Amino acid sequence: MDTPFWKALTRPEFEAAEREFTGAMPLGRLGTVEEAASSYIHLMENGFITGQVLAVDGGVMFTK
């Protein structure tokens, strides 16, 4: 992944973390920066949506 969090990891650390994260996600994959950003941009651009918290988590909250 192209973020400071992931770039700080070694390749084996990244692969272990990716397996752990994706194993807990119903979608079975990590989200992209573009997917997260587009969700929040939608909230900012839509003048009728107010006071919402949007979980962009690949469905993790469904497993709780």
N, C-alpha and C. Protein backbone atom coordinates (compact mmCIF):
# COMPACT_ATOMS: atom_id res chain seq x y z
N MET A 1 0.85 -1.18 0.00
CA MET A 1 0.00 0.00 0.00
C MET A 1 0.89 1.24 0.00
N ASP A 2 0.36 2.25 -0.56
CA ASP A 2 1.15 3.46 -0.76
C ASP A 2 0.83 4.52 0.30
N THR A 3 1.01 4.15 1.57
CA THR A 3 0.81 5.09 2.67
C THR A 3 2.00 4.95 3.64
N PRO A 4 2.26 5.95 4.46
CA PRO A 4 3.38 5.87 5.40
C PRO A 4 3.29 4.65 6.33
N PHE A 5 2.09 4.27 6.74
CA PHE A 5 1.93 3.12 7.64
C PHE A 5 2.52 1.86 7.00
N TRP A 6 2.15 1.60 5.77
CA TRP A 6 2.59 0.38 5.10
C TRP A 6 4.04 0.48 4.64
N LYS A 7 4.46 1.67 4.21
CA LYS A 7 5.83 1.83 3.72
C LYS A 7 6.86 1.61 4.81
N ALA A 8 6.48 1.80 6.07
CA ALA A 8 7.41 1.65 7.19
C ALA A 8 7.70 0.17 7.50
N LEU A 9 6.92 -0.74 6.94
CA LEU A 9 7.08 -2.15 7.23
C LEU A 9 8.03 -2.82 6.24
N THR A 10 8.73 -3.85 6.72
CA THR A 10 9.51 -4.68 5.81
C THR A 10 8.55 -5.54 5.00
N ARG A 11 9.02 -6.14 3.94
CA ARG A 11 8.15 -6.98 3.10
C ARG A 11 7.49 -8.10 3.90
N PRO A 12 8.24 -8.86 4.72
CA PRO A 12 7.58 -9.92 5.52
C PRO A 12 6.56 -9.36 6.53
N GLU A 13 6.88 -8.20 7.13
CA GLU A 13 5.93 -7.57 8.06
C GLU A 13 4.67 -7.15 7.31
N PHE A 14 4.85 -6.57 6.12
CA PHE A 14 3.70 -6.16 5.32
C PHE A 14 2.83 -7.36 4.98
N GLU A 15 3.44 -8.43 4.53
CA GLU A 15 2.67 -9.62 4.13
C GLU A 15 1.91 -10.22 5.31
N ALA A 16 2.53 -10.25 6.50
CA ALA A 16 1.85 -10.77 7.69
C ALA A 16 0.69 -9.87 8.09
N ALA A 17 0.91 -8.56 8.08
CA ALA A 17 -0.16 -7.62 8.43
C ALA A 17 -1.29 -7.68 7.42
N GLU A 18 -0.95 -7.78 6.15
CA GLU A 18 -1.98 -7.86 5.11
C GLU A 18 -2.84 -9.11 5.30
N ARG A 19 -2.22 -10.24 5.58
CA ARG A 19 -2.98 -11.48 5.83
C ARG A 19 -3.92 -11.31 7.01
N GLU A 20 -3.41 -10.69 8.09
CA GLU A 20 -4.23 -10.50 9.28
C GLU A 20 -5.42 -9.58 9.00
N PHE A 21 -5.15 -8.45 8.36
CA PHE A 21 -6.22 -7.50 8.05
C PHE A 21 -7.25 -8.09 7.09
N THR A 22 -6.78 -8.67 6.00
CA THR A 22 -7.72 -9.18 4.99
C THR A 22 -8.49 -10.38 5.49
N GLY A 23 -7.90 -11.14 6.41
CA GLY A 23 -8.61 -12.27 6.99
C GLY A 23 -9.80 -11.84 7.83
N ALA A 24 -9.77 -10.62 8.35
CA ALA A 24 -10.86 -10.11 9.18
C ALA A 24 -11.90 -9.34 8.37
N MET A 25 -11.67 -9.17 7.07
CA MET A 25 -12.57 -8.34 6.25
C MET A 25 -13.46 -9.20 5.37
N PRO A 26 -14.77 -8.96 5.41
CA PRO A 26 -15.67 -9.69 4.51
C PRO A 26 -15.29 -9.55 3.03
N LEU A 27 -14.76 -8.40 2.64
CA LEU A 27 -14.37 -8.22 1.24
C LEU A 27 -13.07 -8.95 0.91
N GLY A 28 -12.30 -9.31 1.93
CA GLY A 28 -11.11 -10.11 1.73
C GLY A 28 -9.94 -9.39 1.07
N ARG A 29 -9.92 -8.08 1.16
CA ARG A 29 -8.81 -7.32 0.58
C ARG A 29 -8.70 -5.99 1.30
N LEU A 30 -7.54 -5.37 1.15
CA LEU A 30 -7.34 -4.04 1.69
C LEU A 30 -8.00 -3.03 0.76
N GLY A 31 -8.49 -1.97 1.33
CA GLY A 31 -9.03 -0.88 0.52
C GLY A 31 -7.92 -0.03 -0.04
N THR A 32 -8.25 0.71 -1.07
CA THR A 32 -7.27 1.61 -1.67
C THR A 32 -7.44 3.01 -1.10
N VAL A 33 -6.41 3.80 -1.25
CA VAL A 33 -6.49 5.21 -0.85
C VAL A 33 -7.62 5.89 -1.61
N GLU A 34 -7.75 5.57 -2.88
CA GLU A 34 -8.80 6.18 -3.72
C GLU A 34 -10.20 5.83 -3.22
N GLU A 35 -10.40 4.59 -2.77
CA GLU A 35 -11.71 4.18 -2.25
C GLU A 35 -12.07 4.96 -0.98
N ALA A 36 -11.12 5.08 -0.08
CA ALA A 36 -11.38 5.82 1.16
C ALA A 36 -11.62 7.30 0.85
N ALA A 37 -10.78 7.88 0.02
CA ALA A 37 -10.91 9.31 -0.30
C ALA A 37 -12.24 9.60 -0.99
N SER A 38 -12.64 8.76 -1.92
CA SER A 38 -13.89 9.04 -2.65
C SER A 38 -15.10 9.01 -1.73
N SER A 39 -15.06 8.16 -0.71
CA SER A 39 -16.17 8.10 0.25
C SER A 39 -16.29 9.40 1.03
N TYR A 40 -15.17 9.91 1.49
CA TYR A 40 -15.20 11.15 2.27
C TYR A 40 -15.47 12.37 1.40
N ILE A 41 -14.99 12.35 0.19
CA ILE A 41 -15.30 13.45 -0.73
C ILE A 41 -16.80 13.50 -0.99
N HIS A 42 -17.42 12.33 -1.14
CA HIS A 42 -18.88 12.29 -1.33
C HIS A 42 -19.59 12.96 -0.15
N LEU A 43 -19.17 12.66 1.06
CA LEU A 43 -19.80 13.28 2.23
C LEU A 43 -19.61 14.80 2.23
N MET A 44 -18.44 15.25 1.82
CA MET A 44 -18.17 16.69 1.83
C MET A 44 -18.91 17.42 0.72
N GLU A 45 -19.09 16.76 -0.42
CA GLU A 45 -19.73 17.42 -1.56
C GLU A 45 -21.25 17.43 -1.49
N ASN A 46 -21.82 16.48 -0.78
CA ASN A 46 -23.27 16.39 -0.71
C ASN A 46 -23.78 17.30 0.40
N GLY A 47 -24.45 18.35 0.04
CA GLY A 47 -24.94 19.33 1.00
C GLY A 47 -26.10 18.86 1.85
N PHE A 48 -26.68 17.71 1.54
CA PHE A 48 -27.83 17.22 2.30
C PHE A 48 -27.43 16.20 3.36
N ILE A 49 -26.20 15.73 3.32
CA ILE A 49 -25.71 14.79 4.33
C ILE A 49 -25.04 15.60 5.44
N THR A 50 -25.54 15.45 6.66
CA THR A 50 -24.96 16.20 7.78
C THR A 50 -24.78 15.27 8.97
N GLY A 51 -23.72 15.50 9.72
CA GLY A 51 -23.50 14.82 10.99
C GLY A 51 -23.36 13.31 10.90
N GLN A 52 -22.78 12.81 9.85
CA GLN A 52 -22.64 11.37 9.69
C GLN A 52 -21.21 10.91 9.92
N VAL A 53 -21.09 9.69 10.37
CA VAL A 53 -19.80 9.03 10.48
C VAL A 53 -19.85 7.85 9.53
N LEU A 54 -18.93 7.80 8.61
CA LEU A 54 -18.92 6.76 7.59
C LEU A 54 -17.76 5.81 7.85
N ALA A 55 -18.08 4.54 8.04
CA ALA A 55 -17.03 3.53 8.23
C ALA A 55 -16.64 2.98 6.87
N VAL A 56 -15.44 3.29 6.44
CA VAL A 56 -14.93 2.77 5.19
C VAL A 56 -13.94 1.67 5.59
N ASP A 57 -14.48 0.47 5.82
CA ASP A 57 -13.68 -0.58 6.45
C ASP A 57 -13.81 -1.94 5.79
N GLY A 58 -14.32 -1.99 4.59
CA GLY A 58 -14.41 -3.27 3.89
C GLY A 58 -15.38 -4.26 4.52
N GLY A 59 -16.29 -3.75 5.34
CA GLY A 59 -17.29 -4.60 5.97
C GLY A 59 -16.90 -5.13 7.33
N VAL A 60 -15.79 -4.67 7.89
CA VAL A 60 -15.34 -5.18 9.20
C VAL A 60 -16.41 -4.99 10.27
N MET A 61 -17.11 -3.88 10.23
CA MET A 61 -18.13 -3.63 11.26
C MET A 61 -19.26 -4.65 11.21
N PHE A 62 -19.46 -5.31 10.08
CA PHE A 62 -20.49 -6.35 10.00
C PHE A 62 -20.12 -7.58 10.81
N THR A 63 -18.83 -7.75 11.08
CA THR A 63 -18.37 -8.93 11.80
C THR A 63 -18.37 -8.72 13.31
N LYS A 64 -18.65 -7.52 13.77
CA LYS A 64 -18.61 -7.22 15.21
C LYS A 64 -19.92 -7.57 15.87
